């Protein structure tokens, strides 16, 4: 999933360096997986999954579009 996300992020924001783009793909993938814990199959919040998906889509697209090279802190 991260490979597809990485490609999509590159299309939306080609100015991001590889490491930042890969980290963003990892963050989005982990966030999506985390939703399943609370709202996945037979979970108490499953009826809200359409709302959660829409919130995630809007948030992730905005994040990918607005993140600029160097916005993430430097790694030691």
N, C-alpha and C. Protein backbone atom coordinates (compact mmCIF):
# COMPACT_ATOMS: atom_id res chain seq x y z
N UNK A 1 0.82 -1.20 0.00
CA UNK A 1 0.00 0.00 0.00
C UNK A 1 0.86 1.26 0.00
N UNK A 2 2.01 1.19 0.69
CA UNK A 2 2.84 2.40 0.75
C UNK A 2 3.43 2.75 -0.60
N UNK A 3 3.70 1.76 -1.45
CA UNK A 3 4.24 2.05 -2.78
C UNK A 3 3.22 2.85 -3.59
N UNK A 4 1.96 2.43 -3.55
CA UNK A 4 0.90 3.16 -4.26
C UNK A 4 0.72 4.56 -3.67
N UNK A 5 0.74 4.65 -2.35
CA UNK A 5 0.62 5.96 -1.71
C UNK A 5 1.79 6.86 -2.10
N UNK A 6 2.97 6.30 -2.11
CA UNK A 6 4.17 7.06 -2.47
C UNK A 6 4.03 7.63 -3.88
N UNK A 7 3.54 6.82 -4.80
CA UNK A 7 3.34 7.28 -6.18
C UNK A 7 2.29 8.38 -6.25
N UNK A 8 1.21 8.22 -5.52
CA UNK A 8 0.15 9.22 -5.50
C UNK A 8 0.64 10.53 -4.89
N UNK A 9 1.39 10.44 -3.81
CA UNK A 9 1.95 11.63 -3.17
C UNK A 9 2.87 12.37 -4.15
N UNK A 10 3.67 11.62 -4.90
CA UNK A 10 4.57 12.23 -5.88
C UNK A 10 3.79 12.97 -6.96
N UNK A 11 2.62 12.46 -7.34
CA UNK A 11 1.80 13.14 -8.34
C UNK A 11 1.21 14.43 -7.78
N UNK A 12 0.77 14.38 -6.53
CA UNK A 12 0.12 15.55 -5.93
C UNK A 12 1.14 16.62 -5.56
N UNK A 13 2.30 16.18 -5.04
CA UNK A 13 3.30 17.13 -4.57
C UNK A 13 4.70 16.65 -4.99
N UNK A 14 5.06 16.86 -6.24
CA UNK A 14 6.35 16.37 -6.74
C UNK A 14 7.57 17.07 -6.13
N UNK A 15 7.37 18.15 -5.39
CA UNK A 15 8.51 18.87 -4.83
C UNK A 15 9.09 18.18 -3.58
N UNK A 16 8.36 17.23 -3.01
CA UNK A 16 8.86 16.58 -1.79
C UNK A 16 10.02 15.64 -2.10
N UNK A 17 11.07 15.70 -1.28
CA UNK A 17 12.18 14.76 -1.45
C UNK A 17 11.72 13.32 -1.15
N UNK A 18 12.45 12.36 -1.66
CA UNK A 18 12.09 10.95 -1.51
C UNK A 18 11.82 10.56 -0.06
N UNK A 19 12.72 10.91 0.84
CA UNK A 19 12.59 10.49 2.25
C UNK A 19 11.33 11.08 2.89
N UNK A 20 11.02 12.32 2.59
CA UNK A 20 9.83 12.95 3.15
C UNK A 20 8.57 12.34 2.55
N UNK A 21 8.61 12.06 1.27
CA UNK A 21 7.46 11.43 0.61
C UNK A 21 7.23 10.02 1.15
N UNK A 22 8.29 9.25 1.34
CA UNK A 22 8.16 7.90 1.89
C UNK A 22 7.64 7.94 3.33
N UNK A 23 8.09 8.91 4.11
CA UNK A 23 7.63 9.05 5.49
C UNK A 23 6.16 9.43 5.52
N UNK A 24 5.75 10.29 4.63
CA UNK A 24 4.34 10.69 4.53
C UNK A 24 3.48 9.49 4.14
N UNK A 25 3.95 8.68 3.22
CA UNK A 25 3.22 7.45 2.83
C UNK A 25 3.11 6.50 4.01
N UNK A 26 4.16 6.38 4.79
CA UNK A 26 4.14 5.53 5.98
C UNK A 26 3.12 6.06 6.99
N UNK A 27 3.10 7.36 7.21
CA UNK A 27 2.16 7.99 8.14
C UNK A 27 0.71 7.74 7.71
N UNK A 28 0.43 7.95 6.43
CA UNK A 28 -0.93 7.75 5.93
C UNK A 28 -1.33 6.29 6.04
N UNK A 29 -0.44 5.39 5.67
CA UNK A 29 -0.73 3.96 5.76
C UNK A 29 -1.01 3.54 7.20
N UNK A 30 -0.19 3.99 8.13
CA UNK A 30 -0.39 3.66 9.54
C UNK A 30 -1.70 4.24 10.07
N UNK A 31 -2.03 5.44 9.64
CA UNK A 31 -3.29 6.07 10.07
C UNK A 31 -4.49 5.30 9.55
N UNK A 32 -4.42 4.86 8.32
CA UNK A 32 -5.52 4.09 7.75
C UNK A 32 -5.68 2.76 8.47
N UNK A 33 -4.59 2.10 8.75
CA UNK A 33 -4.64 0.82 9.47
C UNK A 33 -5.21 1.02 10.88
N UNK A 34 -4.86 2.12 11.51
CA UNK A 34 -5.34 2.39 12.86
C UNK A 34 -6.85 2.59 12.92
N UNK A 35 -7.43 3.10 11.86
CA UNK A 35 -8.88 3.28 11.84
C UNK A 35 -9.61 1.94 11.95
N UNK A 36 -9.03 0.90 11.38
CA UNK A 36 -9.68 -0.41 11.39
C UNK A 36 -9.84 -0.94 12.80
N UNK A 37 -8.96 -0.55 13.70
CA UNK A 37 -9.05 -1.00 15.08
C UNK A 37 -10.34 -0.51 15.73
N UNK A 38 -10.74 0.69 15.40
CA UNK A 38 -11.90 1.30 16.04
C UNK A 38 -13.18 1.19 15.22
N UNK A 39 -13.07 1.18 13.91
CA UNK A 39 -14.27 1.25 13.08
C UNK A 39 -14.31 0.17 12.00
N UNK A 40 -13.50 -0.85 12.14
CA UNK A 40 -13.49 -1.93 11.16
C UNK A 40 -14.62 -2.91 11.38
N UNK A 41 -14.50 -4.05 10.75
CA UNK A 41 -15.51 -5.10 10.80
C UNK A 41 -15.89 -5.44 12.24
N UNK A 42 -17.19 -5.40 12.53
CA UNK A 42 -17.77 -5.73 13.83
C UNK A 42 -17.24 -4.87 14.98
N UNK A 43 -16.77 -3.68 14.68
CA UNK A 43 -16.31 -2.75 15.72
C UNK A 43 -17.43 -1.79 16.09
N UNK A 44 -17.38 -1.23 17.31
CA UNK A 44 -18.48 -0.38 17.77
C UNK A 44 -18.73 0.86 16.91
N UNK A 45 -17.74 1.39 16.25
CA UNK A 45 -17.89 2.63 15.48
C UNK A 45 -18.00 2.37 13.98
N UNK A 46 -18.25 1.14 13.58
CA UNK A 46 -18.25 0.79 12.15
C UNK A 46 -19.25 1.58 11.33
N UNK A 47 -20.38 1.97 11.94
CA UNK A 47 -21.38 2.74 11.18
C UNK A 47 -20.87 4.13 10.82
N UNK A 48 -19.84 4.58 11.49
CA UNK A 48 -19.26 5.90 11.18
C UNK A 48 -18.10 5.83 10.19
N UNK A 49 -17.81 4.63 9.69
CA UNK A 49 -16.69 4.47 8.77
C UNK A 49 -16.80 5.39 7.55
N UNK A 50 -17.97 5.60 6.94
CA UNK A 50 -18.02 6.54 5.81
C UNK A 50 -17.57 7.95 6.21
N UNK A 51 -17.95 8.39 7.38
CA UNK A 51 -17.51 9.71 7.85
C UNK A 51 -16.00 9.71 8.08
N UNK A 52 -15.51 8.66 8.73
CA UNK A 52 -14.07 8.58 8.99
C UNK A 52 -13.28 8.56 7.70
N UNK A 53 -13.78 7.84 6.71
CA UNK A 53 -13.09 7.78 5.42
C UNK A 53 -13.05 9.16 4.75
N UNK A 54 -14.14 9.89 4.82
CA UNK A 54 -14.18 11.23 4.23
C UNK A 54 -13.25 12.19 4.97
N UNK A 55 -13.26 12.11 6.29
CA UNK A 55 -12.35 12.95 7.07
C UNK A 55 -10.89 12.62 6.75
N UNK A 56 -10.59 11.35 6.64
CA UNK A 56 -9.22 10.94 6.32
C UNK A 56 -8.83 11.42 4.93
N UNK A 57 -9.72 11.23 3.95
CA UNK A 57 -9.41 11.65 2.58
C UNK A 57 -9.10 13.14 2.52
N UNK A 58 -9.98 13.93 3.12
CA UNK A 58 -9.76 15.39 3.09
C UNK A 58 -8.47 15.77 3.81
N UNK A 59 -8.26 15.18 4.97
CA UNK A 59 -7.07 15.51 5.76
C UNK A 59 -5.79 15.12 5.04
N UNK A 60 -5.77 13.90 4.49
CA UNK A 60 -4.55 13.42 3.83
C UNK A 60 -4.25 14.20 2.56
N UNK A 61 -5.27 14.49 1.77
CA UNK A 61 -5.03 15.26 0.54
C UNK A 61 -4.52 16.65 0.87
N UNK A 62 -5.11 17.28 1.87
CA UNK A 62 -4.65 18.61 2.27
C UNK A 62 -3.21 18.55 2.78
N UNK A 63 -2.92 17.57 3.61
CA UNK A 63 -1.56 17.41 4.13
C UNK A 63 -0.55 17.22 3.01
N UNK A 64 -0.85 16.31 2.09
CA UNK A 64 0.07 16.04 0.98
C UNK A 64 0.25 17.28 0.11
N UNK A 65 -0.83 17.96 -0.17
CA UNK A 65 -0.76 19.15 -1.04
C UNK A 65 0.02 20.29 -0.39
N UNK A 66 -0.16 20.47 0.93
CA UNK A 66 0.40 21.65 1.60
C UNK A 66 1.79 21.46 2.20
N UNK A 67 2.21 20.21 2.39
CA UNK A 67 3.54 19.98 2.98
C UNK A 67 4.62 20.45 2.02
N UNK A 68 5.59 21.17 2.53
CA UNK A 68 6.69 21.69 1.71
C UNK A 68 7.99 21.02 2.12
N UNK A 69 8.91 20.91 1.19
CA UNK A 69 10.21 20.34 1.54
C UNK A 69 10.80 21.08 2.75
N UNK A 70 11.26 20.32 3.71
CA UNK A 70 11.87 20.90 4.90
C UNK A 70 10.89 21.18 6.02
N UNK A 71 9.57 20.98 5.81
CA UNK A 71 8.60 21.17 6.88
C UNK A 71 8.79 20.16 8.01
N UNK A 72 9.23 18.97 7.68
CA UNK A 72 9.50 17.96 8.70
C UNK A 72 10.84 18.26 9.37
N UNK A 73 10.96 17.98 10.67
CA UNK A 73 12.23 18.28 11.34
C UNK A 73 13.35 17.42 10.77
N UNK A 74 14.54 17.95 10.81
CA UNK A 74 15.72 17.22 10.34
C UNK A 74 15.98 16.01 11.25
N UNK A 75 16.43 14.93 10.65
CA UNK A 75 16.78 13.74 11.41
C UNK A 75 18.24 13.83 11.82
N UNK A 76 18.52 13.37 13.02
CA UNK A 76 19.92 13.39 13.49
C UNK A 76 20.74 12.31 12.85
